[in-house]
C-alpha cells in the first residue's frame, strides 16, 4: 500500500514538473502612426499632416489626374511619404500659405513644410 502511495506521489510530482505553470507572455507595445492626406482642389496641392507637422506638395499635371483614381492616389501617398522621410522639405510660415491649405492642415499644426 505504501508503495502505491509513493508511486502516486512520484507520478504527480513528475507531472507537475513537466507542466508549465504561470506562463507569462510578453506583449510588444502597440506602435501606430497616422498620416492624414488631403487634396486641396482650389490650389491643386496635396497636404499631408502628422502630429503637429504639415507637409505641402505642389502636384504636377499628371499627379493632378492621378489623384482622382484609387491606384493613382495610393501611389502618390507612398511617393509623398518617401519624400517626407528623405527630409526634402523646407519650413515655411503659416501666413505664407493659401487659406485653403492652412485649413486643410488643421489648427493644431505648429510646423509647415513645402516638399520639393
PDB file of N, CA and C in Angstrom:
ATOM      1  N   UNK A   1       0.816  -1.191   0.000  1.00  0.00           N
ATOM      2  CA  UNK A   1       0.000   0.000   0.000  1.00  0.00           C
ATOM      3  C   UNK A   1       0.867   1.266   0.000  1.00  0.00           C
ATOM      4  N   UNK A   2       1.932   1.224   0.829  1.00  0.00           N
ATOM      5  CA  UNK A   2       2.847   2.362   0.866  1.00  0.00           C
ATOM      6  C   UNK A   2       3.492   2.559  -0.500  1.00  0.00           C
ATOM      7  N   UNK A   3       3.756   1.487  -1.175  1.00  0.00           N
ATOM      8  CA  UNK A   3       4.393   1.553  -2.485  1.00  0.00           C
ATOM      9  C   UNK A   3       3.492   2.263  -3.491  1.00  0.00           C
ATOM     10  N   UNK A   4       2.186   1.998  -3.442  1.00  0.00           N
ATOM     11  CA  UNK A   4       1.227   2.639  -4.360  1.00  0.00           C
ATOM     12  C   UNK A   4       1.137   4.137  -4.060  1.00  0.00           C
ATOM     13  N   UNK A   5       1.137   4.497  -2.799  1.00  0.00           N
ATOM     14  CA  UNK A   5       1.053   5.913  -2.408  1.00  0.00           C
ATOM     15  C   UNK A   5       2.318   6.643  -2.866  1.00  0.00           C
ATOM     16  N   UNK A   6       3.474   6.053  -2.634  1.00  0.00           N
ATOM     17  CA  UNK A   6       4.733   6.676  -3.039  1.00  0.00           C
ATOM     18  C   UNK A   6       4.797   6.802  -4.551  1.00  0.00           C
ATOM     19  N   UNK A   7       4.366   5.738  -5.248  1.00  0.00           N
ATOM     20  CA  UNK A   7       4.355   5.783  -6.708  1.00  0.00           C
ATOM     21  C   UNK A   7       3.415   6.869  -7.218  1.00  0.00           C
ATOM     22  N   UNK A   8       2.243   7.014  -6.611  1.00  0.00           N
ATOM     23  CA  UNK A   8       1.282   8.049  -6.998  1.00  0.00           C
ATOM     24  C   UNK A   8       1.861   9.439  -6.763  1.00  0.00           C
ATOM     25  N   UNK A   9       2.529   9.634  -5.633  1.00  0.00           N
ATOM     26  CA  UNK A   9       3.133  10.927  -5.321  1.00  0.00           C
ATOM     27  C   UNK A   9       4.244  11.246  -6.327  1.00  0.00           C
ATOM     28  N   UNK A  10       5.082  10.259  -6.665  1.00  0.00           N
ATOM     29  CA  UNK A  10       6.158  10.480  -7.619  1.00  0.00           C
ATOM     30  C   UNK A  10       5.628  10.799  -9.012  1.00  0.00           C
ATOM     31  N   UNK A  11       4.581  10.110  -9.446  1.00  0.00           N
ATOM     32  CA  UNK A  11       3.979  10.401 -10.745  1.00  0.00           C
ATOM     33  C   UNK A  11       3.394  11.808 -10.741  1.00  0.00           C
ATOM     34  N   UNK A  12       2.733  12.170  -9.651  1.00  0.00           N
ATOM     35  CA  UNK A  12       2.157  13.507  -9.538  1.00  0.00           C
ATOM     36  C   UNK A  12       3.220  14.591  -9.570  1.00  0.00           C
ATOM     37  N   UNK A  13       4.327  14.370  -8.873  1.00  0.00           N
ATOM     38  CA  UNK A  13       5.417  15.346  -8.864  1.00  0.00           C
ATOM     39  C   UNK A  13       6.067  15.474 -10.240  1.00  0.00           C
ATOM     40  N   UNK A  14       6.280  14.354 -10.909  1.00  0.00           N
ATOM     41  CA  UNK A  14       6.898  14.428 -12.231  1.00  0.00           C
ATOM     42  C   UNK A  14       5.967  15.099 -13.232  1.00  0.00           C
ATOM     43  N   UNK A  15       4.675  14.892 -13.109  1.00  0.00           N
ATOM     44  CA  UNK A  15       3.722  15.559 -13.998  1.00  0.00           C
ATOM     45  C   UNK A  15       3.737  17.067 -13.744  1.00  0.00           C
ATOM     46  N   UNK A  16       3.783  17.434 -12.472  1.00  0.00           N
ATOM     47  CA  UNK A  16       3.779  18.856 -12.116  1.00  0.00           C
ATOM     48  C   UNK A  16       5.049  19.542 -12.609  1.00  0.00           C
ATOM     49  N   UNK A  17       6.161  18.852 -12.606  1.00  0.00           N
ATOM     50  CA  UNK A  17       7.420  19.435 -13.049  1.00  0.00           C
ATOM     51  C   UNK A  17       7.438  19.656 -14.562  1.00  0.00           C
ATOM     52  N   UNK A  18       6.723  18.848 -15.325  1.00  0.00           N
ATOM     53  CA  UNK A  18       6.735  18.991 -16.774  1.00  0.00           C
ATOM     54  C   UNK A  18       5.600  19.857 -17.300  1.00  0.00           C
ATOM     55  N   UNK A  19       4.650  20.171 -16.462  1.00  0.00           N
ATOM     56  CA  UNK A  19       3.524  21.005 -16.873  1.00  0.00           C
ATOM     57  C   UNK A  19       3.853  22.466 -16.584  1.00  0.00           C
ATOM     58  N   UNK A  20       3.789  23.322 -17.589  1.00  0.00           N
ATOM     59  CA  UNK A  20       4.115  24.733 -17.359  1.00  0.00           C
ATOM     60  C   UNK A  20       3.065  25.400 -16.472  1.00  0.00           C
ATOM     61  N   UNK A  21       3.545  26.202 -15.573  1.00  0.00           N
ATOM     62  CA  UNK A  21       2.664  26.944 -14.671  1.00  0.00           C
ATOM     63  C   UNK A  21       2.952  28.432 -14.809  1.00  0.00           C
ATOM     64  N   UNK A  22       1.918  29.195 -14.750  1.00  0.00           N
ATOM     65  CA  UNK A  22       2.045  30.663 -14.774  1.00  0.00           C
ATOM     66  C   UNK A  22       2.921  31.139 -15.931  1.00  0.00           C
ATOM     67  N   UNK A  23       2.616  30.685 -17.113  1.00  0.00           N
ATOM     68  CA  UNK A  23       3.356  31.144 -18.281  1.00  0.00           C
ATOM     69  C   UNK A  23       2.957  32.588 -18.550  1.00  0.00           C
ATOM     70  N   UNK A  24       3.940  33.440 -18.590  1.00  0.00           N
ATOM     71  CA  UNK A  24       3.681  34.853 -18.840  1.00  0.00           C
ATOM     72  C   UNK A  24       4.235  35.203 -20.216  1.00  0.00           C
ATOM     73  N   UNK A  25       3.359  35.631 -21.038  1.00  0.00           N
ATOM     74  CA  UNK A  25       3.813  36.055 -22.353  1.00  0.00           C
ATOM     75  C   UNK A  25       4.049  37.555 -22.318  1.00  0.00           C
ATOM     76  N   UNK A  26       5.084  37.965 -22.978  1.00  0.00           N
ATOM     77  CA  UNK A  26       5.346  39.404 -23.062  1.00  0.00           C
ATOM     78  C   UNK A  26       4.682  39.931 -24.324  1.00  0.00           C
ATOM     79  N   UNK A  27       4.119  41.079 -24.216  1.00  0.00           N
ATOM     80  CA  UNK A  27       3.439  41.700 -25.344  1.00  0.00           C
ATOM     81  C   UNK A  27       4.202  42.951 -25.750  1.00  0.00           C
ATOM     82  N   UNK A  28       4.456  43.040 -27.029  1.00  0.00           N
ATOM     83  CA  UNK A  28       5.088  44.241 -27.551  1.00  0.00           C
ATOM     84  C   UNK A  28       4.073  45.380 -27.477  1.00  0.00           C
ATOM     85  N   UNK A  29       4.533  46.578 -27.173  1.00  0.00           N
ATOM     86  CA  UNK A  29       3.595  47.700 -27.161  1.00  0.00           C
ATOM     87  C   UNK A  29       3.114  48.000 -28.571  1.00  0.00           C
ATOM     88  N   UNK A  30       1.918  48.482 -28.669  1.00  0.00           N
ATOM     89  CA  UNK A  30       1.366  48.852 -29.971  1.00  0.00           C
ATOM     90  C   UNK A  30       2.100  50.081 -30.506  1.00  0.00           C
ATOM     91  N   UNK A  31       2.382  50.043 -31.782  1.00  0.00           N
ATOM     92  CA  UNK A  31       3.040  51.173 -32.429  1.00  0.00           C
ATOM     93  C   UNK A  31       2.120  51.634 -33.555  1.00  0.00           C
ATOM     94  N   UNK A  32       1.728  52.885 -33.512  1.00  0.00           N
ATOM     95  CA  UNK A  32       0.842  53.391 -34.556  1.00  0.00           C
ATOM     96  C   UNK A  32       1.341  54.752 -35.040  1.00  0.00           C
ATOM     97  N   UNK A  33       1.060  55.021 -36.277  1.00  0.00           N
ATOM     98  CA  UNK A  33       1.314  56.329 -36.850  1.00  0.00           C
ATOM     99  C   UNK A  33       0.111  56.673 -37.712  1.00  0.00           C
ATOM    100  N   UNK A  34      -0.220  57.926 -37.718  1.00  0.00           N
ATOM    101  CA  UNK A  34      -1.361  58.333 -38.524  1.00  0.00           C
ATOM    102  C   UNK A  34      -0.974  59.535 -39.381  1.00  0.00           C
ATOM    103  N   UNK A  35      -1.037  59.337 -40.668  1.00  0.00           N
ATOM    104  CA  UNK A  35      -0.847  60.417 -41.632  1.00  0.00           C
ATOM    105  C   UNK A  35      -2.201  60.713 -42.247  1.00  0.00           C
ATOM    106  N   UNK A  36      -2.530  61.968 -42.370  1.00  0.00           N
ATOM    107  CA  UNK A  36      -3.802  62.359 -42.977  1.00  0.00           C
ATOM    108  C   UNK A  36      -3.479  63.089 -44.281  1.00  0.00           C
ATOM    109  N   UNK A  37      -4.075  62.609 -45.362  1.00  0.00           N
ATOM    110  CA  UNK A  37      -3.859  63.174 -46.690  1.00  0.00           C
ATOM    111  C   UNK A  37      -5.096  63.971 -47.092  1.00  0.00           C
ATOM    112  N   UNK A  38      -4.859  65.122 -47.695  1.00  0.00           N
ATOM    113  CA  UNK A  38      -5.972  65.957 -48.154  1.00  0.00           C
ATOM    114  C   UNK A  38      -5.570  66.620 -49.466  1.00  0.00           C
ATOM    115  N   UNK A  39      -6.416  66.454 -50.468  1.00  0.00           N
ATOM    116  CA  UNK A  39      -6.191  67.120 -51.754  1.00  0.00           C
ATOM    117  C   UNK A  39      -6.971  68.416 -51.754  1.00  0.00           C
ATOM    118  N   UNK A  40      -6.268  69.519 -51.921  1.00  0.00           N
ATOM    119  CA  UNK A  40      -6.913  70.828 -51.976  1.00  0.00           C
ATOM    120  C   UNK A  40      -7.189  71.158 -53.443  1.00  0.00           C
ATOM    121  N   UNK A  41      -8.439  71.049 -53.838  1.00  0.00           N
ATOM    122  CA  UNK A  41      -8.800  71.249 -55.246  1.00  0.00           C
ATOM    123  C   UNK A  41      -8.687  72.710 -55.683  1.00  0.00           C
ATOM    124  N   UNK A  42      -8.679  73.638 -54.733  1.00  0.00           N
ATOM    125  CA  UNK A  42      -8.557  75.053 -55.101  1.00  0.00           C
ATOM    126  C   UNK A  42      -7.139  75.396 -55.557  1.00  0.00           C
ATOM    127  N   UNK A  43      -6.157  74.842 -54.870  1.00  0.00           N
ATOM    128  CA  UNK A  43      -4.759  75.163 -55.200  1.00  0.00           C
ATOM    129  C   UNK A  43      -4.060  73.999 -55.918  1.00  0.00           C
ATOM    130  N   UNK A  44      -4.737  72.872 -56.037  1.00  0.00           N
ATOM    131  CA  UNK A  44      -4.169  71.657 -56.633  1.00  0.00           C
ATOM    132  C   UNK A  44      -2.904  71.226 -55.886  1.00  0.00           C
ATOM    133  N   UNK A  45      -2.986  71.290 -54.564  1.00  0.00           N
ATOM    134  CA  UNK A  45      -1.876  70.846 -53.725  1.00  0.00           C
ATOM    135  C   UNK A  45      -2.358  69.695 -52.847  1.00  0.00           C
ATOM    136  N   UNK A  46      -1.425  68.846 -52.507  1.00  0.00           N
ATOM    137  CA  UNK A  46      -1.717  67.752 -51.588  1.00  0.00           C
ATOM    138  C   UNK A  46      -1.116  68.123 -50.238  1.00  0.00           C
ATOM    139  N   UNK A  47      -1.918  67.971 -49.209  1.00  0.00           N
ATOM    140  CA  UNK A  47      -1.489  68.293 -47.856  1.00  0.00           C
ATOM    141  C   UNK A  47      -1.430  66.981 -47.074  1.00  0.00           C
ATOM    142  N   UNK A  48      -0.338  66.786 -46.381  1.00  0.00           N
ATOM    143  CA  UNK A  48      -0.168  65.604 -45.534  1.00  0.00           C
ATOM    144  C   UNK A  48       0.169  66.117 -44.142  1.00  0.00           C
ATOM    145  N   UNK A  49      -0.635  65.717 -43.153  1.00  0.00           N
ATOM    146  CA  UNK A  49      -0.241  66.130 -41.812  1.00  0.00           C
ATOM    147  C   UNK A  49      -0.186  64.951 -40.862  1.00  0.00           C
ATOM    148  N   UNK A  50       0.773  65.077 -39.964  1.00  0.00           N
ATOM    149  CA  UNK A  50       1.032  64.070 -38.943  1.00  0.00           C
ATOM    150  C   UNK A  50       1.430  64.815 -37.674  1.00  0.00           C
ATOM    151  N   UNK A  51       0.775  64.476 -36.611  1.00  0.00           N
ATOM    152  CA  UNK A  51       1.034  65.130 -35.326  1.00  0.00           C
ATOM    153  C   UNK A  51       0.908  66.645 -35.493  1.00  0.00           C
ATOM    154  N   UNK A  52       1.970  67.377 -35.269  1.00  0.00           N
ATOM    155  CA  UNK A  52       1.925  68.842 -35.354  1.00  0.00           C
ATOM    156  C   UNK A  52       2.675  69.376 -36.566  1.00  0.00           C
ATOM    157  N   UNK A  53       2.902  68.506 -37.559  1.00  0.00           N
ATOM    158  CA  UNK A  53       3.606  68.886 -38.784  1.00  0.00           C
ATOM    159  C   UNK A  53       2.685  68.769 -39.981  1.00  0.00           C
ATOM    160  N   UNK A  54       2.801  69.714 -40.897  1.00  0.00           N
ATOM    161  CA  UNK A  54       2.013  69.691 -42.117  1.00  0.00           C
ATOM    162  C   UNK A  54       2.956  69.843 -43.309  1.00  0.00           C
ATOM    163  N   UNK A  55       2.824  68.939 -44.259  1.00  0.00           N
ATOM    164  CA  UNK A  55       3.677  68.927 -45.447  1.00  0.00           C
ATOM    165  C   UNK A  55       2.815  69.265 -46.659  1.00  0.00           C
ATOM    166  N   UNK A  56       3.275  70.212 -47.479  1.00  0.00           N
ATOM    167  CA  UNK A  56       2.507  70.676 -48.632  1.00  0.00           C
ATOM    168  C   UNK A  56       3.262  70.311 -49.910  1.00  0.00           C
ATOM    169  N   UNK A  57       2.559  69.611 -50.808  1.00  0.00           N
ATOM    170  CA  UNK A  57       3.128  69.182 -52.079  1.00  0.00           C
ATOM    171  C   UNK A  57       2.403  69.887 -53.216  1.00  0.00           C
ATOM    172  N   UNK A  58       3.144  70.481 -54.139  1.00  0.00           N
ATOM    173  CA  UNK A  58       2.561  71.022 -55.358  1.00  0.00           C
ATOM    174  C   UNK A  58       2.545  69.897 -56.382  1.00  0.00           C
ATOM    175  N   UNK A  59       1.374  69.617 -56.941  1.00  0.00           N
ATOM    176  CA  UNK A  59       1.225  68.489 -57.851  1.00  0.00           C
ATOM    177  C   UNK A  59       1.563  68.875 -59.288  1.00  0.00           C
ATOM    178  N   UNK A  60       2.137  67.928 -60.005  1.00  0.00           N
ATOM    179  CA  UNK A  60       2.382  68.109 -61.434  1.00  0.00           C
ATOM    180  C   UNK A  60       1.058  67.883 -62.174  1.00  0.00           C
ATOM    181  N   UNK A  61       1.041  68.169 -63.465  1.00  0.00           N
ATOM    182  CA  UNK A  61      -0.181  67.962 -64.251  1.00  0.00           C
ATOM    183  C   UNK A  61      -0.627  66.493 -64.205  1.00  0.00           C
ATOM    184  N   UNK A  62       0.317  65.558 -64.308  1.00  0.00           N
ATOM    185  CA  UNK A  62      -0.027  64.135 -64.268  1.00  0.00           C
ATOM    186  C   UNK A  62      -0.538  63.737 -62.880  1.00  0.00           C
ATOM    187  N   UNK A  63       0.082  64.270 -61.832  1.00  0.00           N
ATOM    188  CA  UNK A  63      -0.362  63.962 -60.465  1.00  0.00           C
ATOM    189  C   UNK A  63      -1.765  64.498 -60.198  1.00  0.00           C
ATOM    190  N   UNK A  64      -2.111  65.621 -60.831  1.00  0.00           N
ATOM    191  CA  UNK A  64      -3.473  66.160 -60.695  1.00  0.00           C
ATOM    192  C   UNK A  64      -4.507  65.212 -61.283  1.00  0.00           C
ATOM    193  N   UNK A  65      -4.118  64.454 -62.274  1.00  0.00           N
ATOM    194  CA  UNK A  65      -5.008  63.436 -62.855  1.00  0.00           C
ATOM    195  C   UNK A  65      -5.013  62.191 -61.969  1.00  0.00           C
ATOM    196  N   UNK A  66      -3.824  61.768 -61.536  1.00  0.00           N
ATOM    197  CA  UNK A  66      -3.674  60.545 -60.740  1.00  0.00           C
ATOM    198  C   UNK A  66      -4.408  60.609 -59.398  1.00  0.00           C
ATOM    199  N   UNK A  67      -4.503  61.798 -58.841  1.00  0.00           N
ATOM    200  CA  UNK A  67      -5.104  61.933 -57.514  1.00  0.00           C
ATOM    201  C   UNK A  67      -6.593  61.550 -57.511  1.00  0.00           C
ATOM    202  N   UNK A  68      -7.198  61.472 -58.685  1.00  0.00           N
ATOM    203  CA  UNK A  68      -8.632  61.166 -58.779  1.00  0.00           C
ATOM    204  C   UNK A  68      -8.928  59.685 -58.994  1.00  0.00           C
ATOM    205  N   UNK A  69      -7.889  58.830 -58.976  1.00  0.00           N
ATOM    206  CA  UNK A  69      -8.118  57.386 -59.077  1.00  0.00           C
ATOM    207  C   UNK A  69      -7.560  56.725 -57.821  1.00  0.00           C
ATOM    208  N   UNK A  70      -8.133  55.581 -57.459  1.00  0.00           N
ATOM    209  CA  UNK A  70      -7.670  54.886 -56.253  1.00  0.00           C
ATOM    210  C   UNK A  70      -6.201  54.484 -56.352  1.00  0.00           C
ATOM    211  N   UNK A  71      -5.837  53.879 -57.476  1.00  0.00           N
ATOM    212  CA  UNK A  71      -4.449  53.427 -57.622  1.00  0.00           C
ATOM    213  C   UNK A  71      -3.491  54.614 -57.720  1.00  0.00           C
ATOM    214  N   UNK A  72      -3.915  55.669 -58.392  1.00  0.00           N
ATOM    215  CA  UNK A  72      -3.073  56.859 -58.504  1.00  0.00           C
ATOM    216  C   UNK A  72      -2.876  57.539 -57.158  1.00  0.00           C
ATOM    217  N   UNK A  73      -3.947  57.629 -56.384  1.00  0.00           N
ATOM    218  CA  UNK A  73      -3.863  58.255 -55.066  1.00  0.00           C
ATOM    219  C   UNK A  73      -2.956  57.442 -54.148  1.00  0.00           C
ATOM    220  N   UNK A  74      -3.095  56.132 -54.179  1.00  0.00           N
ATOM    221  CA  UNK A  74      -2.244  55.276 -53.345  1.00  0.00           C
ATOM    222  C   UNK A  74      -0.781  55.442 -53.728  1.00  0.00           C
ATOM    223  N   UNK A  75      -0.486  55.468 -55.021  1.00  0.00           N
ATOM    224  CA  UNK A  75       0.894  55.655 -55.482  1.00  0.00           C
ATOM    225  C   UNK A  75       1.441  57.014 -55.037  1.00  0.00           C
ATOM    226  N   UNK A  76       0.603  58.038 -55.109  1.00  0.00           N
ATOM    227  CA  UNK A  76       1.032  59.367 -54.666  1.00  0.00           C
ATOM    228  C   UNK A  76       1.305  59.391 -53.167  1.00  0.00           C
ATOM    229  N   UNK A  77       0.455  58.743 -52.392  1.00  0.00           N
ATOM    230  CA  UNK A  77       0.651  58.714 -50.947  1.00  0.00           C
ATOM    231  C   UNK A  77       1.981  58.058 -50.588  1.00  0.00           C
ATOM    232  N   UNK A  78       2.287  56.942 -51.235  1.00  0.00           N
ATOM    233  CA  UNK A  78       3.565  56.260 -50.981  1.00  0.00           C
ATOM    234  C   UNK A  78       4.726  57.162 -51.379  1.00  0.00           C
ATOM    235  N   UNK A  79       4.610  57.797 -52.529  1.00  0.00           N
ATOM    236  CA  UNK A  79       5.657  58.710 -53.006  1.00  0.00           C
ATOM    237  C   UNK A  79       5.863  59.867 -52.026  1.00  0.00           C
ATOM    238  N   UNK A  80       4.768  60.434 -51.526  1.00  0.00           N
ATOM    239  CA  UNK A  80       4.874  61.568 -50.611  1.00  0.00           C
ATOM    240  C   UNK A  80       5.514  61.149 -49.290  1.00  0.00           C
ATOM    241  N   UNK A  81       5.152  59.984 -48.777  1.00  0.00           N
ATOM    242  CA  UNK A  81       5.761  59.517 -47.527  1.00  0.00           C
ATOM    243  C   UNK A  81       7.260  59.284 -47.707  1.00  0.00           C
ATOM    244  N   UNK A  82       7.635  58.786 -48.873  1.00  0.00           N
ATOM    245  CA  UNK A  82       9.057  58.587 -49.163  1.00  0.00           C
ATOM    246  C   UNK A  82       9.787  59.920 -49.192  1.00  0.00           C
ATOM    247  N   UNK A  83       9.182  60.906 -49.799  1.00  0.00           N
ATOM    248  CA  UNK A  83       9.806  62.230 -49.872  1.00  0.00           C
ATOM    249  C   UNK A  83       9.879  62.898 -48.498  1.00  0.00           C
ATOM    250  N   UNK A  84       8.876  62.668 -47.660  1.00  0.00           N
ATOM    251  CA  UNK A  84       8.910  63.211 -46.296  1.00  0.00           C
ATOM    252  C   UNK A  84      10.058  62.569 -45.525  1.00  0.00           C
ATOM    253  N   UNK A  85      10.206  61.249 -45.651  1.00  0.00           N
ATOM    254  CA  UNK A  85      11.281  60.548 -44.925  1.00  0.00           C
ATOM    255  C   UNK A  85      12.660  60.982 -45.388  1.00  0.00           C
ATOM    256  N   UNK A  86      12.781  61.407 -46.636  1.00  0.00           N
ATOM    257  CA  UNK A  86      14.075  61.835 -47.174  1.00  0.00           C
ATOM    258  C   UNK A  86      14.455  63.243 -46.702  1.00  0.00           C
ATOM    259  N   UNK A  87      13.605  63.853 -45.903  1.00  0.00           N
ATOM    260  CA  UNK A  87      13.840  65.212 -45.393  1.00  0.00           C
ATOM    261  C   UNK A  87      14.050  66.234 -46.500  1.00  0.00           C
ATOM    262  N   UNK A  88      13.322  66.076 -47.582  1.00  0.00           N
ATOM    263  CA  UNK A  88      13.423  67.018 -48.703  1.00  0.00           C
ATOM    264  C   UNK A  88      12.347  68.084 -48.554  1.00  0.00           C
ATOM    265  N   UNK A  89      12.350  68.779 -47.426  1.00  0.00           N
ATOM    266  CA  UNK A  89      11.331  69.792 -47.196  1.00  0.00           C
ATOM    267  C   UNK A  89      11.936  71.055 -46.599  1.00  0.00           C
ATOM    268  N   UNK A  90      11.205  72.137 -46.783  1.00  0.00           N
ATOM    269  CA  UNK A  90      11.642  73.446 -46.303  1.00  0.00           C
ATOM    270  C   UNK A  90      10.533  74.028 -45.433  1.00  0.00           C
ATOM    271  N   UNK A  91      10.890  74.513 -44.262  1.00  0.00           N
ATOM    272  CA  UNK A  91       9.873  75.082 -43.371  1.00  0.00           C
ATOM    273  C   UNK A  91       9.446  76.457 -43.875  1.00  0.00           C
ATOM    274  N   UNK A  92       8.143  76.687 -43.823  1.00  0.00           N
ATOM    275  CA  UNK A  92       7.565  77.967 -44.232  1.00  0.00           C
ATOM    276  C   UNK A  92       6.654  78.467 -43.111  1.00  0.00           C
ATOM    277  N   UNK A  93       6.270  79.725 -43.201  1.00  0.00           N
ATOM    278  CA  UNK A  93       5.370  80.276 -42.181  1.00  0.00           C
ATOM    279  C   UNK A  93       3.919  79.988 -42.550  1.00  0.00           C
ATOM    280  N   UNK A  94       3.084  79.966 -41.553  1.00  0.00           N
ATOM    281  CA  UNK A  94       1.649  79.736 -41.760  1.00  0.00           C
ATOM    282  C   UNK A  94       1.052  80.818 -42.645  1.00  0.00           C
ATOM    283  N   UNK A  95       1.470  82.048 -42.455  1.00  0.00           N
ATOM    284  CA  UNK A  95       0.886  83.170 -43.201  1.00  0.00           C
ATOM    285  C   UNK A  95       1.278  83.153 -44.676  1.00  0.00           C
ATOM    286  N   UNK A  96       2.324  82.424 -45.036  1.00  0.00           N
ATOM    287  CA  UNK A  96       2.731  82.377 -46.442  1.00  0.00           C
ATOM    288  C   UNK A  96       1.881  81.383 -47.245  1.00  0.00           C
ATOM    289  N   UNK A  97       1.030  80.640 -46.582  1.00  0.00           N
ATOM    290  CA  UNK A  97       0.206  79.620 -47.258  1.00  0.00           C
ATOM    291  C   UNK A  97      -1.173  80.160 -47.604  1.00  0.00           C
ATOM    292  N   UNK A  98      -1.764  79.576 -48.641  1.00  0.00           N
ATOM    293  CA  UNK A  98      -3.126  79.939 -49.016  1.00  0.00           C
ATOM    294  C   UNK A  98      -4.084  79.517 -47.897  1.00  0.00           C
ATOM    295  N   UNK A  99      -5.197  80.228 -47.787  1.00  0.00           N
ATOM    296  CA  UNK A  99      -6.171  79.947 -46.739  1.00  0.00           C
ATOM    297  C   UNK A  99      -6.674  78.513 -46.800  1.00  0.00           C
ATOM    298  N   UNK A 100      -6.960  78.014 -47.986  1.00  0.00           N
ATOM    299  CA  UNK A 100      -7.477  76.648 -48.104  1.00  0.00           C
ATOM    300  C   UNK A 100      -6.435  75.608 -47.680  1.00  0.00           C
ATOM    301  N   UNK A 101      -5.176  75.896 -47.905  1.00  0.00           N
ATOM    302  CA  UNK A 101      -4.108  74.979 -47.478  1.00  0.00           C
ATOM    303  C   UNK A 101      -3.969  75.016 -45.959  1.00  0.00           C
ATOM    304  N   UNK A 102      -4.023  76.198 -45.383  1.00  0.00           N
ATOM    305  CA  UNK A 102      -3.969  76.307 -43.908  1.00  0.00           C
ATOM    306  C   UNK A 102      -5.123  75.551 -43.273  1.00  0.00           C
ATOM    307  N   UNK A 103      -6.294  75.679 -43.864  1.00  0.00           N
ATOM    308  CA  UNK A 103      -7.462  74.975 -43.342  1.00  0.00           C
ATOM    309  C   UNK A 103      -7.286  73.466 -43.460  1.00  0.00           C
ATOM    310  N   UNK A 104      -6.751  73.012 -44.572  1.00  0.00           N
ATOM    311  CA  UNK A 104      -6.524  71.582 -44.775  1.00  0.00           C
ATOM    312  C   UNK A 104      -5.507  71.035 -43.778  1.00  0.00           C
ATOM    313  N   UNK A 105      -4.540  71.851 -43.412  1.00  0.00           N
ATOM    314  CA  UNK A 105      -3.540  71.408 -42.439  1.00  0.00           C
ATOM    315  C   UNK A 105      -4.141  71.218 -41.054  1.00  0.00           C
ATOM    316  N   UNK A 106      -5.069  72.058 -40.697  1.00  0.00           N
ATOM    317  CA  UNK A 106      -5.680  71.949 -39.373  1.00  0.00           C
ATOM    318  C   UNK A 106      -5.182  73.046 -38.446  1.00  0.00           C
ATOM    319  N   UNK A 107      -5.762  73.071 -37.256  1.00  0.00           N
ATOM    320  CA  UNK A 107      -5.490  74.172 -36.336  1.00  0.00           C
ATOM    321  C   UNK A 107      -4.395  73.864 -35.319  1.00  0.00           C
ATOM    322  N   UNK A 108      -4.076  72.611 -35.092  1.00  0.00           N
ATOM    323  CA  UNK A 108      -3.074  72.250 -34.086  1.00  0.00           C
ATOM    324  C   UNK A 108      -1.669  72.113 -34.673  1.00  0.00           C
ATOM    325  N   UNK A 109      -1.490  72.524 -35.903  1.00  0.00           N
ATOM    326  CA  UNK A 109      -0.204  72.366 -36.572  1.00  0.00           C
ATOM    327  C   UNK A 109       0.753  73.464 -36.125  1.00  0.00           C
ATOM    328  N   UNK A 110       1.983  73.055 -35.819  1.00  0.00           N
ATOM    329  CA  UNK A 110       2.995  74.027 -35.389  1.00  0.00           C
ATOM    330  C   UNK A 110       4.068  74.271 -36.444  1.00  0.00           C
ATOM    331  N   UNK A 111       4.272  73.300 -37.326  1.00  0.00           N
ATOM    332  CA  UNK A 111       5.316  73.430 -38.346  1.00  0.00           C
ATOM    333  C   UNK A 111       4.726  73.132 -39.728  1.00  0.00           C
ATOM    334  N   UNK A 112       5.035  73.989 -40.669  1.00  0.00           N
ATOM    335  CA  UNK A 112       4.567  73.852 -42.052  1.00  0.00           C
ATOM    336  C   UNK A 112       5.777  73.684 -42.962  1.00  0.00           C
ATOM    337  N   UNK A 113       5.701  72.722 -43.847  1.00  0.00           N
ATOM    338  CA  UNK A 113       6.822  72.429 -44.739  1.00  0.00           C
ATOM    339  C   UNK A 113       6.337  72.309 -46.175  1.00  0.00           C
ATOM    340  N   UNK A 114       7.073  72.908 -47.092  1.00  0.00           N
ATOM    341  CA  UNK A 114       6.840  72.619 -48.504  1.00  0.00           C
ATOM    342  C   UNK A 114       7.848  71.554 -48.886  1.00  0.00           C
ATOM    343  N   UNK A 115       7.392  70.623 -49.705  1.00  0.00           N
ATOM    344  CA  UNK A 115       8.238  69.488 -50.061  1.00  0.00           C
ATOM    345  C   UNK A 115       8.595  69.572 -51.529  1.00  0.00           C
ATOM    346  N   UNK A 116       9.885  69.436 -51.824  1.00  0.00           N
ATOM    347  CA  UNK A 116      10.367  69.505 -53.210  1.00  0.00           C
ATOM    348  C   UNK A 116      10.092  68.215 -53.935  1.00  0.00           C
TER     349      UNK A 116
END
